[in-house]
Amino acid sequence: MIRHIVAWNLVATDPAERTTAFEQVKAQLEGLGGVVPGLRSISVSRDVGATAGNWDIVLVSEHDDEEALAVYQQHPDHVVAAGFTRSVTKDRVSVDVEV
């Protein structure tokens, strides 16, 4: 199984805009659950804000294997969600680990 972890920083600085952007990212990405073959689970969360310098949003998803991760990344619904996410974020970091 592959665990895919991605973190982003939001572009918006206004608290209300940041909340809206997060909610939209969460809805689009978590909406992929049950849609993409080989995607076992997906969760999008927001940093609680207790530590300065933390990333704003994190995604944790689990995939059957590396092939399933590739299917997820190329799935048309993921391409749309990723495009939206890129439009409201300014930084991205990710790691894929075998579990």
N, C-alpha and C. Protein backbone atom coordinates (compact mmCIF):
# COMPACT_ATOMS: atom_id res chain seq x y z
N MET A 1 0.86 -1.17 0.00
CA MET A 1 0.00 0.00 0.00
C MET A 1 0.91 1.24 0.00
N ILE A 2 0.45 2.29 -0.68
CA ILE A 2 1.17 3.55 -0.76
C ILE A 2 0.37 4.64 -0.03
N ARG A 3 1.04 5.33 0.86
CA ARG A 3 0.44 6.50 1.53
C ARG A 3 1.01 7.74 0.84
N HIS A 4 0.11 8.56 0.33
CA HIS A 4 0.44 9.79 -0.41
C HIS A 4 0.09 10.97 0.51
N ILE A 5 1.10 11.77 0.84
CA ILE A 5 0.92 12.89 1.76
C ILE A 5 1.32 14.17 1.04
N VAL A 6 0.43 15.15 1.03
CA VAL A 6 0.69 16.42 0.35
C VAL A 6 0.31 17.55 1.30
N ALA A 7 1.13 18.59 1.34
CA ALA A 7 0.81 19.79 2.14
C ALA A 7 0.91 21.01 1.24
N TRP A 8 0.05 21.98 1.51
CA TRP A 8 0.02 23.23 0.75
C TRP A 8 -0.07 24.41 1.70
N ASN A 9 0.36 25.56 1.20
CA ASN A 9 0.09 26.85 1.83
C ASN A 9 -0.90 27.59 0.95
N LEU A 10 -1.84 28.25 1.59
CA LEU A 10 -2.86 29.00 0.86
C LEU A 10 -2.33 30.35 0.40
N VAL A 11 -2.86 30.83 -0.71
CA VAL A 11 -2.51 32.15 -1.23
C VAL A 11 -3.20 33.24 -0.39
N ALA A 12 -4.46 33.04 -0.08
CA ALA A 12 -5.26 34.06 0.61
C ALA A 12 -4.69 34.37 1.99
N THR A 13 -4.81 35.63 2.36
CA THR A 13 -4.39 36.05 3.70
C THR A 13 -5.60 36.40 4.57
N ASP A 14 -6.72 36.75 3.95
CA ASP A 14 -7.94 37.07 4.69
C ASP A 14 -8.51 35.78 5.30
N PRO A 15 -8.81 35.78 6.60
CA PRO A 15 -9.29 34.55 7.26
C PRO A 15 -10.52 33.93 6.59
N ALA A 16 -11.48 34.74 6.18
CA ALA A 16 -12.69 34.20 5.56
C ALA A 16 -12.36 33.57 4.20
N GLU A 17 -11.50 34.20 3.43
CA GLU A 17 -11.10 33.65 2.14
C GLU A 17 -10.31 32.36 2.32
N ARG A 18 -9.48 32.32 3.35
CA ARG A 18 -8.70 31.10 3.62
C ARG A 18 -9.63 29.94 3.98
N THR A 19 -10.64 30.22 4.79
CA THR A 19 -11.59 29.19 5.17
C THR A 19 -12.35 28.68 3.95
N THR A 20 -12.81 29.59 3.12
CA THR A 20 -13.54 29.20 1.90
C THR A 20 -12.66 28.36 0.99
N ALA A 21 -11.43 28.78 0.78
CA ALA A 21 -10.51 28.03 -0.09
C ALA A 21 -10.28 26.64 0.47
N PHE A 22 -10.03 26.54 1.77
CA PHE A 22 -9.82 25.23 2.39
C PHE A 22 -11.04 24.34 2.19
N GLU A 23 -12.21 24.86 2.46
CA GLU A 23 -13.43 24.06 2.35
C GLU A 23 -13.64 23.55 0.92
N GLN A 24 -13.31 24.38 -0.07
CA GLN A 24 -13.44 23.96 -1.46
C GLN A 24 -12.42 22.89 -1.83
N VAL A 25 -11.18 23.08 -1.40
CA VAL A 25 -10.15 22.06 -1.65
C VAL A 25 -10.56 20.74 -1.01
N LYS A 26 -10.99 20.79 0.24
CA LYS A 26 -11.40 19.59 0.97
C LYS A 26 -12.54 18.87 0.25
N ALA A 27 -13.56 19.62 -0.14
CA ALA A 27 -14.72 19.02 -0.80
C ALA A 27 -14.32 18.35 -2.13
N GLN A 28 -13.51 19.04 -2.91
CA GLN A 28 -13.13 18.48 -4.21
C GLN A 28 -12.26 17.24 -4.06
N LEU A 29 -11.25 17.31 -3.20
CA LEU A 29 -10.34 16.18 -3.07
C LEU A 29 -10.99 15.00 -2.35
N GLU A 30 -11.70 15.26 -1.26
CA GLU A 30 -12.35 14.15 -0.56
C GLU A 30 -13.48 13.55 -1.41
N GLY A 31 -14.01 14.31 -2.34
CA GLY A 31 -15.02 13.80 -3.25
C GLY A 31 -14.51 12.71 -4.18
N LEU A 32 -13.19 12.54 -4.24
CA LEU A 32 -12.61 11.49 -5.07
C LEU A 32 -12.75 10.11 -4.43
N GLY A 33 -13.02 10.08 -3.12
CA GLY A 33 -13.22 8.81 -2.42
C GLY A 33 -14.39 8.05 -3.03
N GLY A 34 -14.19 6.79 -3.34
CA GLY A 34 -15.25 5.97 -3.94
C GLY A 34 -15.38 6.17 -5.43
N VAL A 35 -14.58 7.08 -6.00
CA VAL A 35 -14.65 7.37 -7.43
C VAL A 35 -13.44 6.81 -8.17
N VAL A 36 -12.27 6.94 -7.56
CA VAL A 36 -11.02 6.54 -8.21
C VAL A 36 -10.67 5.11 -7.81
N PRO A 37 -10.52 4.22 -8.79
CA PRO A 37 -10.15 2.83 -8.47
C PRO A 37 -8.81 2.77 -7.74
N GLY A 38 -8.74 1.94 -6.72
CA GLY A 38 -7.50 1.74 -5.99
C GLY A 38 -7.23 2.76 -4.90
N LEU A 39 -8.11 3.77 -4.79
CA LEU A 39 -7.99 4.77 -3.72
C LEU A 39 -8.72 4.23 -2.50
N ARG A 40 -7.96 3.85 -1.49
CA ARG A 40 -8.55 3.23 -0.29
C ARG A 40 -9.15 4.26 0.67
N SER A 41 -8.47 5.39 0.82
CA SER A 41 -8.97 6.43 1.72
C SER A 41 -8.35 7.76 1.33
N ILE A 42 -9.03 8.84 1.71
CA ILE A 42 -8.52 10.18 1.45
C ILE A 42 -9.07 11.12 2.51
N SER A 43 -8.20 11.97 3.04
CA SER A 43 -8.59 12.92 4.07
C SER A 43 -7.83 14.22 3.86
N VAL A 44 -8.55 15.32 3.96
CA VAL A 44 -7.94 16.66 3.83
C VAL A 44 -8.24 17.41 5.11
N SER A 45 -7.19 17.94 5.75
CA SER A 45 -7.34 18.64 7.02
C SER A 45 -6.62 19.98 6.97
N ARG A 46 -7.00 20.85 7.91
CA ARG A 46 -6.40 22.17 8.02
C ARG A 46 -5.59 22.26 9.30
N ASP A 47 -4.44 22.91 9.22
CA ASP A 47 -3.60 23.10 10.39
C ASP A 47 -4.39 23.88 11.46
N VAL A 48 -4.20 23.53 12.72
CA VAL A 48 -4.93 24.19 13.80
C VAL A 48 -4.40 25.58 14.10
N GLY A 49 -3.24 25.91 13.56
CA GLY A 49 -2.71 27.26 13.74
C GLY A 49 -1.93 27.49 15.01
N ALA A 50 -1.59 26.45 15.72
CA ALA A 50 -0.90 26.61 17.00
C ALA A 50 0.60 26.87 16.84
N THR A 51 1.16 26.50 15.69
CA THR A 51 2.60 26.63 15.50
C THR A 51 2.89 27.47 14.26
N ALA A 52 3.58 28.56 14.44
CA ALA A 52 3.95 29.42 13.31
C ALA A 52 4.82 28.65 12.34
N GLY A 53 4.59 28.85 11.06
CA GLY A 53 5.40 28.21 10.04
C GLY A 53 4.89 26.88 9.54
N ASN A 54 3.86 26.32 10.19
CA ASN A 54 3.28 25.07 9.69
C ASN A 54 2.59 25.31 8.35
N TRP A 55 2.48 24.25 7.57
CA TRP A 55 1.74 24.31 6.31
C TRP A 55 0.24 24.43 6.64
N ASP A 56 -0.53 24.98 5.71
CA ASP A 56 -1.95 25.27 5.95
C ASP A 56 -2.87 24.06 5.81
N ILE A 57 -2.63 23.23 4.79
CA ILE A 57 -3.54 22.12 4.45
C ILE A 57 -2.70 20.86 4.26
N VAL A 58 -3.25 19.73 4.67
CA VAL A 58 -2.59 18.45 4.41
C VAL A 58 -3.61 17.45 3.86
N LEU A 59 -3.17 16.69 2.88
CA LEU A 59 -3.93 15.58 2.33
C LEU A 59 -3.19 14.30 2.65
N VAL A 60 -3.92 13.30 3.12
CA VAL A 60 -3.36 11.97 3.32
C VAL A 60 -4.29 10.99 2.60
N SER A 61 -3.73 10.29 1.64
CA SER A 61 -4.53 9.29 0.92
C SER A 61 -3.76 7.98 0.88
N GLU A 62 -4.50 6.89 0.79
CA GLU A 62 -3.89 5.57 0.72
C GLU A 62 -4.38 4.87 -0.53
N HIS A 63 -3.42 4.23 -1.22
CA HIS A 63 -3.68 3.61 -2.51
C HIS A 63 -3.19 2.17 -2.48
N ASP A 64 -3.83 1.32 -3.25
CA ASP A 64 -3.47 -0.11 -3.25
C ASP A 64 -1.99 -0.33 -3.51
N ASP A 65 -1.44 0.41 -4.48
CA ASP A 65 -0.05 0.24 -4.87
C ASP A 65 0.37 1.44 -5.72
N GLU A 66 1.60 1.41 -6.24
CA GLU A 66 2.09 2.53 -7.04
C GLU A 66 1.26 2.73 -8.31
N GLU A 67 0.79 1.65 -8.89
CA GLU A 67 -0.05 1.75 -10.09
C GLU A 67 -1.36 2.48 -9.76
N ALA A 68 -1.95 2.16 -8.61
CA ALA A 68 -3.18 2.82 -8.19
C ALA A 68 -2.94 4.31 -7.94
N LEU A 69 -1.78 4.66 -7.40
CA LEU A 69 -1.44 6.07 -7.21
C LEU A 69 -1.34 6.78 -8.55
N ALA A 70 -0.75 6.13 -9.53
CA ALA A 70 -0.65 6.72 -10.87
C ALA A 70 -2.04 6.90 -11.49
N VAL A 71 -2.92 5.93 -11.29
CA VAL A 71 -4.30 6.04 -11.78
C VAL A 71 -4.98 7.25 -11.14
N TYR A 72 -4.82 7.40 -9.83
CA TYR A 72 -5.38 8.53 -9.09
C TYR A 72 -4.89 9.85 -9.66
N GLN A 73 -3.58 9.95 -9.87
CA GLN A 73 -3.00 11.21 -10.32
C GLN A 73 -3.46 11.59 -11.72
N GLN A 74 -3.80 10.60 -12.54
CA GLN A 74 -4.23 10.87 -13.91
C GLN A 74 -5.75 10.85 -14.08
N HIS A 75 -6.47 10.49 -13.05
CA HIS A 75 -7.94 10.41 -13.14
C HIS A 75 -8.49 11.80 -13.47
N PRO A 76 -9.43 11.89 -14.41
CA PRO A 76 -9.96 13.20 -14.82
C PRO A 76 -10.52 14.03 -13.67
N ASP A 77 -11.19 13.40 -12.70
CA ASP A 77 -11.72 14.15 -11.57
C ASP A 77 -10.60 14.70 -10.68
N HIS A 78 -9.52 13.92 -10.54
CA HIS A 78 -8.37 14.41 -9.77
C HIS A 78 -7.69 15.56 -10.50
N VAL A 79 -7.58 15.47 -11.81
CA VAL A 79 -6.96 16.55 -12.59
C VAL A 79 -7.71 17.86 -12.36
N VAL A 80 -9.03 17.81 -12.33
CA VAL A 80 -9.84 19.01 -12.07
C VAL A 80 -9.60 19.52 -10.65
N ALA A 81 -9.66 18.62 -9.67
CA ALA A 81 -9.47 19.02 -8.27
C ALA A 81 -8.06 19.58 -8.05
N ALA A 82 -7.07 18.96 -8.66
CA ALA A 82 -5.69 19.44 -8.52
C ALA A 82 -5.52 20.81 -9.16
N GLY A 83 -6.18 21.03 -10.28
CA GLY A 83 -6.12 22.34 -10.92
C GLY A 83 -6.71 23.43 -10.04
N PHE A 84 -7.85 23.14 -9.42
CA PHE A 84 -8.43 24.11 -8.51
C PHE A 84 -7.50 24.36 -7.32
N THR A 85 -6.98 23.28 -6.76
CA THR A 85 -6.09 23.40 -5.60
C THR A 85 -4.89 24.28 -5.94
N ARG A 86 -4.29 24.08 -7.11
CA ARG A 86 -3.16 24.92 -7.53
C ARG A 86 -3.56 26.39 -7.63
N SER A 87 -4.82 26.66 -7.95
CA SER A 87 -5.26 28.05 -8.12
C SER A 87 -5.40 28.81 -6.80
N VAL A 88 -5.48 28.09 -5.68
CA VAL A 88 -5.66 28.76 -4.37
C VAL A 88 -4.49 28.53 -3.42
N THR A 89 -3.45 27.86 -3.90
CA THR A 89 -2.27 27.60 -3.07
C THR A 89 -1.02 28.16 -3.73
N LYS A 90 0.02 28.37 -2.90
CA LYS A 90 1.26 28.93 -3.45
C LYS A 90 2.45 28.00 -3.28
N ASP A 91 2.37 27.05 -2.42
CA ASP A 91 3.46 26.11 -2.18
C ASP A 91 2.89 24.71 -2.06
N ARG A 92 3.71 23.71 -2.42
CA ARG A 92 3.29 22.31 -2.31
C ARG A 92 4.50 21.46 -1.97
N VAL A 93 4.30 20.52 -1.09
CA VAL A 93 5.32 19.52 -0.78
C VAL A 93 4.60 18.18 -0.66
N SER A 94 5.27 17.11 -1.09
CA SER A 94 4.61 15.81 -0.99
C SER A 94 5.63 14.71 -0.74
N VAL A 95 5.11 13.59 -0.28
CA VAL A 95 5.91 12.38 -0.09
C VAL A 95 4.99 11.18 -0.27
N ASP A 96 5.53 10.15 -0.90
CA ASP A 96 4.81 8.89 -1.08
C ASP A 96 5.62 7.82 -0.35
N VAL A 97 4.97 7.10 0.56
CA VAL A 97 5.68 6.08 1.33
C VAL A 97 4.94 4.75 1.23
N GLU A 98 5.71 3.69 1.26
CA GLU A 98 5.12 2.35 1.26
C GLU A 98 4.82 1.98 2.72
N VAL A 99 3.60 1.51 2.93
CA VAL A 99 3.20 1.11 4.29
C VAL A 99 2.69 -0.33 4.29
